Amino acid sequence: MDELSADELRGTAFAANLRRAFGAPVEGDLPTRFAVLLDRLGEVQSPQRPRHADPHRLGA
């Protein structure tokens, strides 16, 4: 059984929400215009910082 990483699950949920917002079917391949939009968003998105960047910070 294949399990998705947290990033893959987040991306799948985002794609489904994008489809719903624009009235596209939730199942099936992502329409080309949405795929292009996601690629552009991925290019401008800042890289994620490690969760434990500051070990002395509490409640992070």
Protein backbone atom coordinates (compact mmCIF):
# COMPACT_ATOMS: atom_id res chain seq x y z
CA MET A 1 0.00 0.00 0.00
CA ASP A 2 1.39 3.40 -0.99
CA GLU A 3 1.30 6.10 1.65
CA LEU A 4 1.53 9.78 0.81
CA SER A 5 3.83 12.18 2.61
CA ALA A 6 2.40 15.20 4.41
CA ASP A 7 3.42 17.43 1.49
CA GLU A 8 1.72 15.13 -1.02
CA LEU A 9 -1.46 15.03 1.07
CA ARG A 10 -1.42 18.82 1.37
CA GLY A 11 -0.95 19.16 -2.39
CA THR A 12 -3.76 16.72 -3.11
CA ALA A 13 -6.11 18.59 -0.79
CA PHE A 14 -5.12 21.92 -2.35
CA ALA A 15 -5.77 20.58 -5.84
CA ALA A 16 -9.21 19.27 -4.81
CA ASN A 17 -10.09 22.63 -3.23
CA LEU A 18 -8.93 24.44 -6.36
CA ARG A 19 -11.12 22.19 -8.51
CA ARG A 20 -14.14 22.80 -6.27
CA ALA A 21 -13.58 26.56 -6.28
CA PHE A 22 -13.66 26.69 -10.07
CA GLY A 23 -16.42 24.12 -10.55
CA ALA A 24 -14.19 21.40 -11.99
CA PRO A 25 -14.72 17.74 -11.09
CA VAL A 26 -12.79 16.74 -7.97
CA GLU A 27 -11.76 13.35 -9.40
CA GLY A 28 -9.47 12.78 -12.36
CA ASP A 29 -6.50 14.62 -13.80
CA LEU A 30 -5.88 18.23 -12.91
CA PRO A 31 -6.82 20.55 -15.81
CA THR A 32 -3.83 22.06 -17.60
CA ARG A 33 -4.51 25.62 -16.47
CA PHE A 34 -4.56 24.51 -12.82
CA ALA A 35 -1.35 22.54 -13.25
CA VAL A 36 0.35 25.63 -14.70
CA LEU A 37 -0.92 27.72 -11.78
CA LEU A 38 0.39 25.20 -9.25
CA ASP A 39 3.79 25.15 -10.97
CA ARG A 40 4.00 28.94 -10.78
CA LEU A 41 2.99 28.94 -7.12
CA GLY A 42 5.67 26.34 -6.42
CA GLU A 43 8.30 28.55 -8.04
CA VAL A 44 7.50 31.58 -5.88
CA GLN A 45 6.80 29.73 -2.65
CA SER A 46 9.54 30.17 -0.08
CA PRO A 47 11.26 26.99 1.10
CA GLN A 48 9.98 25.58 4.36
CA ARG A 49 12.11 26.03 7.44
CA PRO A 50 12.89 23.01 9.57
CA ARG A 51 10.36 22.53 12.36
CA HIS A 52 13.00 22.60 15.08
CA ALA A 53 15.13 25.47 13.81
CA ASP A 54 15.53 26.94 17.32
CA PRO A 55 15.78 24.21 19.97
CA HIS A 56 15.59 26.82 22.77
CA ARG A 57 12.19 28.15 21.71
CA LEU A 58 9.30 26.67 23.63
CA GLY A 59 5.87 26.02 22.19
CA ALA A 60 7.05 26.01 18.60
